[in-house]
PDB file of all heavy atoms in Angstrom:
ATOM      1  N   VAL A   1       3.925  -1.220  13.973  1.00  0.00           N
ATOM      2  CA  VAL A   1       3.052  -0.056  14.133  1.00  0.00           C
ATOM      3  C   VAL A   1       1.861  -0.199  13.188  1.00  0.00           C
ATOM      4  O   VAL A   1       2.043  -0.248  11.966  1.00  0.00           O
ATOM      5  CB  VAL A   1       3.812   1.258  13.846  1.00  0.00           C
ATOM      6  CG1 VAL A   1       2.864   2.450  13.877  1.00  0.00           C
ATOM      7  CG2 VAL A   1       4.938   1.442  14.857  1.00  0.00           C
ATOM      8  N   PRO A   2       0.657  -0.281  13.733  1.00  0.00           N
ATOM      9  CA  PRO A   2      -0.526  -0.307  12.872  1.00  0.00           C
ATOM     10  C   PRO A   2      -0.505   0.913  11.957  1.00  0.00           C
ATOM     11  O   PRO A   2      -0.226   2.029  12.415  1.00  0.00           O
ATOM     12  CB  PRO A   2      -1.694  -0.225  13.858  1.00  0.00           C
ATOM     13  CG  PRO A   2      -1.126  -0.687  15.160  1.00  0.00           C
ATOM     14  CD  PRO A   2       0.307  -0.278  15.152  1.00  0.00           C
ATOM     15  N   THR A   3      -0.783   0.685  10.690  1.00  0.00           N
ATOM     16  CA  THR A   3      -0.616   1.763   9.718  1.00  0.00           C
ATOM     17  C   THR A   3      -1.776   1.813   8.743  1.00  0.00           C
ATOM     18  O   THR A   3      -2.253   0.787   8.273  1.00  0.00           O
ATOM     19  CB  THR A   3       0.703   1.566   8.929  1.00  0.00           C
ATOM     20  OG1 THR A   3       1.795   1.534   9.865  1.00  0.00           O
ATOM     21  CG2 THR A   3       0.943   2.685   7.933  1.00  0.00           C
ATOM     22  N   LEU A   4      -2.188   3.031   8.443  1.00  0.00           N
ATOM     23  CA  LEU A   4      -3.113   3.290   7.346  1.00  0.00           C
ATOM     24  C   LEU A   4      -2.250   3.753   6.184  1.00  0.00           C
ATOM     25  O   LEU A   4      -1.651   4.830   6.243  1.00  0.00           O
ATOM     26  CB  LEU A   4      -4.135   4.365   7.734  1.00  0.00           C
ATOM     27  CG  LEU A   4      -4.998   4.936   6.611  1.00  0.00           C
ATOM     28  CD1 LEU A   4      -5.768   3.844   5.870  1.00  0.00           C
ATOM     29  CD2 LEU A   4      -5.933   6.002   7.154  1.00  0.00           C
ATOM     30  N   PHE A   5      -2.147   2.915   5.165  1.00  0.00           N
ATOM     31  CA  PHE A   5      -1.324   3.251   4.003  1.00  0.00           C
ATOM     32  C   PHE A   5      -2.165   3.983   2.964  1.00  0.00           C
ATOM     33  O   PHE A   5      -3.286   3.580   2.653  1.00  0.00           O
ATOM     34  CB  PHE A   5      -0.714   1.994   3.376  1.00  0.00           C
ATOM     35  CG  PHE A   5       0.392   1.402   4.188  1.00  0.00           C
ATOM     36  CD1 PHE A   5       0.217   0.189   4.833  1.00  0.00           C
ATOM     37  CD2 PHE A   5       1.613   2.049   4.316  1.00  0.00           C
ATOM     38  CE1 PHE A   5       1.234  -0.371   5.595  1.00  0.00           C
ATOM     39  CE2 PHE A   5       2.639   1.504   5.077  1.00  0.00           C
ATOM     40  CZ  PHE A   5       2.447   0.285   5.710  1.00  0.00           C
ATOM     41  N   LEU A   6      -1.581   5.053   2.434  1.00  0.00           N
ATOM     42  CA  LEU A   6      -2.164   5.828   1.344  1.00  0.00           C
ATOM     43  C   LEU A   6      -1.140   5.844   0.217  1.00  0.00           C
ATOM     44  O   LEU A   6      -0.287   6.735   0.146  1.00  0.00           O
ATOM     45  CB  LEU A   6      -2.456   7.267   1.788  1.00  0.00           C
ATOM     46  CG  LEU A   6      -3.319   7.443   3.024  1.00  0.00           C
ATOM     47  CD1 LEU A   6      -3.394   8.915   3.424  1.00  0.00           C
ATOM     48  CD2 LEU A   6      -4.693   6.877   2.797  1.00  0.00           C
ATOM     49  N   PRO A   7      -1.160   4.833  -0.660  1.00  0.00           N
ATOM     50  CA  PRO A   7      -0.154   4.774  -1.720  1.00  0.00           C
ATOM     51  C   PRO A   7      -0.102   6.075  -2.535  1.00  0.00           C
ATOM     52  O   PRO A   7      -1.132   6.719  -2.764  1.00  0.00           O
ATOM     53  CB  PRO A   7      -0.619   3.610  -2.593  1.00  0.00           C
ATOM     54  CG  PRO A   7      -1.439   2.763  -1.667  1.00  0.00           C
ATOM     55  CD  PRO A   7      -2.114   3.727  -0.740  1.00  0.00           C
ATOM     56  N   TYR A   8       1.101   6.415  -2.930  1.00  0.00           N
ATOM     57  CA  TYR A   8       1.331   7.633  -3.709  1.00  0.00           C
ATOM     58  C   TYR A   8       0.435   7.620  -4.945  1.00  0.00           C
ATOM     59  O   TYR A   8       0.518   6.706  -5.776  1.00  0.00           O
ATOM     60  CB  TYR A   8       2.804   7.697  -4.107  1.00  0.00           C
ATOM     61  CG  TYR A   8       3.210   8.974  -4.785  1.00  0.00           C
ATOM     62  CD1 TYR A   8       3.253  10.175  -4.096  1.00  0.00           C
ATOM     63  CD2 TYR A   8       3.574   8.968  -6.122  1.00  0.00           C
ATOM     64  CE1 TYR A   8       3.643  11.347  -4.712  1.00  0.00           C
ATOM     65  CE2 TYR A   8       3.970  10.139  -6.758  1.00  0.00           C
ATOM     66  CZ  TYR A   8       3.994  11.319  -6.051  1.00  0.00           C
ATOM     67  OH  TYR A   8       4.390  12.477  -6.664  1.00  0.00           O
ATOM     68  N   PRO A   9      -0.444   8.610  -5.092  1.00  0.00           N
ATOM     69  CA  PRO A   9      -1.458   8.537  -6.140  1.00  0.00           C
ATOM     70  C   PRO A   9      -0.997   8.972  -7.527  1.00  0.00           C
ATOM     71  O   PRO A   9      -1.745   8.816  -8.493  1.00  0.00           O
ATOM     72  CB  PRO A   9      -2.538   9.503  -5.631  1.00  0.00           C
ATOM     73  CG  PRO A   9      -1.782  10.512  -4.840  1.00  0.00           C
ATOM     74  CD  PRO A   9      -0.658   9.745  -4.194  1.00  0.00           C
ATOM     75  N   TYR A  10       0.222   9.478  -7.644  1.00  0.00           N
ATOM     76  CA  TYR A  10       0.658  10.002  -8.926  1.00  0.00           C
ATOM     77  C   TYR A  10       1.470   9.005  -9.758  1.00  0.00           C
ATOM     78  O   TYR A  10       1.831   9.314 -10.887  1.00  0.00           O
ATOM     79  CB  TYR A  10       1.461  11.293  -8.725  1.00  0.00           C
ATOM     80  CG  TYR A  10       0.618  12.388  -8.126  1.00  0.00           C
ATOM     81  CD1 TYR A  10       0.730  12.713  -6.781  1.00  0.00           C
ATOM     82  CD2 TYR A  10      -0.302  13.088  -8.892  1.00  0.00           C
ATOM     83  CE1 TYR A  10      -0.049  13.713  -6.216  1.00  0.00           C
ATOM     84  CE2 TYR A  10      -1.091  14.087  -8.341  1.00  0.00           C
ATOM     85  CZ  TYR A  10      -0.954  14.388  -7.003  1.00  0.00           C
ATOM     86  OH  TYR A  10      -1.731  15.378  -6.450  1.00  0.00           O
ATOM     87  N   HIS A  11       1.760   7.826  -9.211  1.00  0.00           N
ATOM     88  CA  HIS A  11       2.413   6.793 -10.029  1.00  0.00           C
ATOM     89  C   HIS A  11       1.356   6.209 -10.955  1.00  0.00           C
ATOM     90  O   HIS A  11       0.283   5.799 -10.507  1.00  0.00           O
ATOM     91  CB  HIS A  11       2.988   5.668  -9.159  1.00  0.00           C
ATOM     92  CG  HIS A  11       4.190   6.048  -8.380  1.00  0.00           C
ATOM     93  ND1 HIS A  11       5.378   6.404  -8.973  1.00  0.00           N
ATOM     94  CD2 HIS A  11       4.395   6.126  -7.049  1.00  0.00           C
ATOM     95  CE1 HIS A  11       6.266   6.684  -8.026  1.00  0.00           C
ATOM     96  NE2 HIS A  11       5.692   6.530  -6.855  1.00  0.00           N
ATOM     97  N   ARG A  12       1.679   6.155 -12.219  1.00  0.00           N
ATOM     98  CA  ARG A  12       0.702   5.680 -13.205  1.00  0.00           C
ATOM     99  C   ARG A  12       0.228   4.262 -12.899  1.00  0.00           C
ATOM    100  O   ARG A  12      -0.946   3.947 -13.019  1.00  0.00           O
ATOM    101  CB  ARG A  12       1.304   5.755 -14.604  1.00  0.00           C
ATOM    102  CG  ARG A  12       0.301   5.445 -15.685  1.00  0.00           C
ATOM    103  CD  ARG A  12       0.811   5.690 -17.073  1.00  0.00           C
ATOM    104  NE  ARG A  12       2.223   5.360 -17.177  1.00  0.00           N
ATOM    105  CZ  ARG A  12       3.001   5.742 -18.151  1.00  0.00           C
ATOM    106  NH1 ARG A  12       2.506   6.463 -19.116  1.00  0.00           N
ATOM    107  NH2 ARG A  12       4.270   5.416 -18.195  1.00  0.00           N
ATOM    108  N   ASP A  13       1.148   3.403 -12.443  1.00  0.00           N
ATOM    109  CA  ASP A  13       0.772   2.007 -12.180  1.00  0.00           C
ATOM    110  C   ASP A  13       0.365   1.747 -10.725  1.00  0.00           C
ATOM    111  O   ASP A  13       0.019   0.632 -10.365  1.00  0.00           O
ATOM    112  CB  ASP A  13       1.902   1.065 -12.571  1.00  0.00           C
ATOM    113  CG  ASP A  13       3.166   1.268 -11.748  1.00  0.00           C
ATOM    114  OD1 ASP A  13       3.213   2.193 -10.895  1.00  0.00           O
ATOM    115  OD2 ASP A  13       4.126   0.503 -11.953  1.00  0.00           O
ATOM    116  N   LEU A  14       0.414   2.784  -9.892  1.00  0.00           N
ATOM    117  CA  LEU A  14       0.039   2.675  -8.477  1.00  0.00           C
ATOM    118  C   LEU A  14       0.741   1.495  -7.791  1.00  0.00           C
ATOM    119  O   LEU A  14       0.156   0.794  -6.972  1.00  0.00           O
ATOM    120  CB  LEU A  14      -1.487   2.563  -8.329  1.00  0.00           C
ATOM    121  CG  LEU A  14      -2.271   3.770  -8.854  1.00  0.00           C
ATOM    122  CD1 LEU A  14      -3.769   3.509  -8.757  1.00  0.00           C
ATOM    123  CD2 LEU A  14      -1.905   5.040  -8.111  1.00  0.00           C
ATOM    124  N   HIS A  15       2.017   1.298  -8.135  1.00  0.00           N
ATOM    125  CA  HIS A  15       2.763   0.141  -7.636  1.00  0.00           C
ATOM    126  C   HIS A  15       2.932   0.114  -6.122  1.00  0.00           C
ATOM    127  O   HIS A  15       3.176  -0.950  -5.561  1.00  0.00           O
ATOM    128  CB  HIS A  15       4.135   0.048  -8.310  1.00  0.00           C
ATOM    129  CG  HIS A  15       5.056   1.158  -7.928  1.00  0.00           C
ATOM    130  ND1 HIS A  15       5.112   2.338  -8.619  1.00  0.00           N
ATOM    131  CD2 HIS A  15       5.949   1.265  -6.917  1.00  0.00           C
ATOM    132  CE1 HIS A  15       6.005   3.131  -8.055  1.00  0.00           C
ATOM    133  NE2 HIS A  15       6.529   2.508  -7.020  1.00  0.00           N
ATOM    134  N   GLN A  16       2.806   1.239  -5.423  1.00  0.00           N
ATOM    135  CA  GLN A  16       2.970   1.207  -3.970  1.00  0.00           C
ATOM    136  C   GLN A  16       1.905   0.344  -3.296  1.00  0.00           C
ATOM    137  O   GLN A  16       2.132  -0.172  -2.209  1.00  0.00           O
ATOM    138  CB  GLN A  16       2.952   2.620  -3.380  1.00  0.00           C
ATOM    139  CG  GLN A  16       4.235   3.372  -3.600  1.00  0.00           C
ATOM    140  CD  GLN A  16       4.309   4.626  -2.747  1.00  0.00           C
ATOM    141  OE1 GLN A  16       3.367   5.003  -2.058  1.00  0.00           O
ATOM    142  NE2 GLN A  16       5.459   5.275  -2.791  1.00  0.00           N
ATOM    143  N   ARG A  17       0.777   0.155  -3.938  1.00  0.00           N
ATOM    144  CA  ARG A  17      -0.258  -0.729  -3.380  1.00  0.00           C
ATOM    145  C   ARG A  17       0.315  -2.130  -3.163  1.00  0.00           C
ATOM    146  O   ARG A  17       0.006  -2.790  -2.173  1.00  0.00           O
ATOM    147  CB  ARG A  17      -1.470  -0.809  -4.294  1.00  0.00           C
ATOM    148  CG  ARG A  17      -2.237   0.490  -4.418  1.00  0.00           C
ATOM    149  CD  ARG A  17      -3.503   0.305  -5.239  1.00  0.00           C
ATOM    150  NE  ARG A  17      -4.469  -0.541  -4.551  1.00  0.00           N
ATOM    151  CZ  ARG A  17      -5.247  -0.157  -3.551  1.00  0.00           C
ATOM    152  NH1 ARG A  17      -5.168   1.080  -3.098  1.00  0.00           N
ATOM    153  NH2 ARG A  17      -6.093  -0.993  -2.992  1.00  0.00           N
ATOM    154  N   LEU A  18       1.144  -2.582  -4.095  1.00  0.00           N
ATOM    155  CA  LEU A  18       1.727  -3.923  -3.998  1.00  0.00           C
ATOM    156  C   LEU A  18       2.634  -4.052  -2.778  1.00  0.00           C
ATOM    157  O   LEU A  18       2.730  -5.127  -2.192  1.00  0.00           O
ATOM    158  CB  LEU A  18       2.496  -4.266  -5.275  1.00  0.00           C
ATOM    159  CG  LEU A  18       1.674  -4.282  -6.557  1.00  0.00           C
ATOM    160  CD1 LEU A  18       2.581  -4.487  -7.766  1.00  0.00           C
ATOM    161  CD2 LEU A  18       0.593  -5.348  -6.491  1.00  0.00           C
ATOM    162  N   ASN A  19       3.312  -2.964  -2.417  1.00  0.00           N
ATOM    163  CA  ASN A  19       4.189  -3.000  -1.241  1.00  0.00           C
ATOM    164  C   ASN A  19       3.394  -3.250   0.036  1.00  0.00           C
ATOM    165  O   ASN A  19       3.824  -3.993   0.915  1.00  0.00           O
ATOM    166  CB  ASN A  19       4.951  -1.676  -1.089  1.00  0.00           C
ATOM    167  CG  ASN A  19       5.900  -1.397  -2.223  1.00  0.00           C
ATOM    168  OD1 ASN A  19       6.384  -2.298  -2.885  1.00  0.00           O
ATOM    169  ND2 ASN A  19       6.152  -0.125  -2.469  1.00  0.00           N
ATOM    170  N   ALA A  20       2.257  -2.601   0.165  1.00  0.00           N
ATOM    171  CA  ALA A  20       1.475  -2.660   1.411  1.00  0.00           C
ATOM    172  C   ALA A  20       0.558  -3.870   1.490  1.00  0.00           C
ATOM    173  O   ALA A  20       0.159  -4.266   2.593  1.00  0.00           O
ATOM    174  CB  ALA A  20       0.661  -1.383   1.559  1.00  0.00           C
ATOM    175  N   GLU A  21       0.217  -4.473   0.376  1.00  0.00           N
ATOM    176  CA  GLU A  21      -0.776  -5.549   0.382  1.00  0.00           C
ATOM    177  C   GLU A  21      -0.453  -6.706   1.335  1.00  0.00           C
ATOM    178  O   GLU A  21      -1.365  -7.206   1.994  1.00  0.00           O
ATOM    179  CB  GLU A  21      -1.025  -6.061  -1.030  1.00  0.00           C
ATOM    180  CG  GLU A  21      -1.936  -5.127  -1.807  1.00  0.00           C
ATOM    181  CD  GLU A  21      -2.179  -5.564  -3.235  1.00  0.00           C
ATOM    182  OE1 GLU A  21      -1.582  -6.575  -3.692  1.00  0.00           O
ATOM    183  OE2 GLU A  21      -2.962  -4.871  -3.909  1.00  0.00           O
ATOM    184  N   PRO A  22       0.794  -7.161   1.460  1.00  0.00           N
ATOM    185  CA  PRO A  22       1.035  -8.256   2.407  1.00  0.00           C
ATOM    186  C   PRO A  22       0.662  -7.897   3.852  1.00  0.00           C
ATOM    187  O   PRO A  22       0.066  -8.722   4.561  1.00  0.00           O
ATOM    188  CB  PRO A  22       2.539  -8.530   2.274  1.00  0.00           C
ATOM    189  CG  PRO A  22       2.886  -8.057   0.900  1.00  0.00           C
ATOM    190  CD  PRO A  22       1.997  -6.865   0.668  1.00  0.00           C
ATOM    191  N   LEU A  23       0.962  -6.687   4.288  1.00  0.00           N
ATOM    192  CA  LEU A  23       0.607  -6.282   5.651  1.00  0.00           C
ATOM    193  C   LEU A  23      -0.903  -6.139   5.798  1.00  0.00           C
ATOM    194  O   LEU A  23      -1.463  -6.478   6.845  1.00  0.00           O
ATOM    195  CB  LEU A  23       1.293  -4.972   6.028  1.00  0.00           C
ATOM    196  CG  LEU A  23       2.647  -5.114   6.720  1.00  0.00           C
ATOM    197  CD1 LEU A  23       3.665  -5.787   5.857  1.00  0.00           C
ATOM    198  CD2 LEU A  23       3.133  -3.758   7.177  1.00  0.00           C
ATOM    199  N   VAL A  24      -1.560  -5.668   4.758  1.00  0.00           N
ATOM    200  CA  VAL A  24      -3.017  -5.534   4.792  1.00  0.00           C
ATOM    201  C   VAL A  24      -3.660  -6.912   4.855  1.00  0.00           C
ATOM    202  O   VAL A  24      -4.553  -7.154   5.672  1.00  0.00           O
ATOM    203  CB  VAL A  24      -3.524  -4.730   3.566  1.00  0.00           C
ATOM    204  CG1 VAL A  24      -5.039  -4.752   3.487  1.00  0.00           C
ATOM    205  CG2 VAL A  24      -3.000  -3.298   3.618  1.00  0.00           C
ATOM    206  N   ARG A  25      -3.191  -7.848   4.017  1.00  0.00           N
ATOM    207  CA  ARG A  25      -3.756  -9.212   4.008  1.00  0.00           C
ATOM    208  C   ARG A  25      -3.610  -9.886   5.357  1.00  0.00           C
ATOM    209  O   ARG A  25      -4.500 -10.602   5.795  1.00  0.00           O
ATOM    210  CB  ARG A  25      -3.090 -10.056   2.927  1.00  0.00           C
ATOM    211  CG  ARG A  25      -3.693  -9.869   1.558  1.00  0.00           C
ATOM    212  CD  ARG A  25      -3.286 -10.970   0.596  1.00  0.00           C
ATOM    213  NE  ARG A  25      -1.856 -11.157   0.492  1.00  0.00           N
ATOM    214  CZ  ARG A  25      -1.065 -10.501  -0.348  1.00  0.00           C
ATOM    215  NH1 ARG A  25      -1.554  -9.608  -1.158  1.00  0.00           N
ATOM    216  NH2 ARG A  25       0.238 -10.743  -0.379  1.00  0.00           N
ATOM    217  N   MET A  26      -2.489  -9.677   6.026  1.00  0.00           N
ATOM    218  CA  MET A  26      -2.271 -10.333   7.318  1.00  0.00           C
ATOM    219  C   MET A  26      -3.015  -9.637   8.451  1.00  0.00           C
ATOM    220  O   MET A  26      -3.116 -10.183   9.541  1.00  0.00           O
ATOM    221  CB  MET A  26      -0.776 -10.472   7.624  1.00  0.00           C
ATOM    222  CG  MET A  26      -0.081  -9.156   7.862  1.00  0.00           C
ATOM    223  SD  MET A  26       1.726  -9.249   7.863  1.00  0.00           S
ATOM    224  CE  MET A  26       2.073 -10.174   9.292  1.00  0.00           C
ATOM    225  N   GLY A  27      -3.526  -8.443   8.215  1.00  0.00           N
ATOM    226  CA  GLY A  27      -4.300  -7.739   9.228  1.00  0.00           C
ATOM    227  C   GLY A  27      -3.511  -6.758  10.067  1.00  0.00           C
ATOM    228  O   GLY A  27      -4.029  -6.223  11.045  1.00  0.00           O
TER     229      GLY A  27
END
């Protein structure tokens, strides 16, 4: 499912970005 990810903004290290990056890199 094509997804627009909005990582949870209240984590100090914004670690959810790391979860989504592989799918973003692959398109």
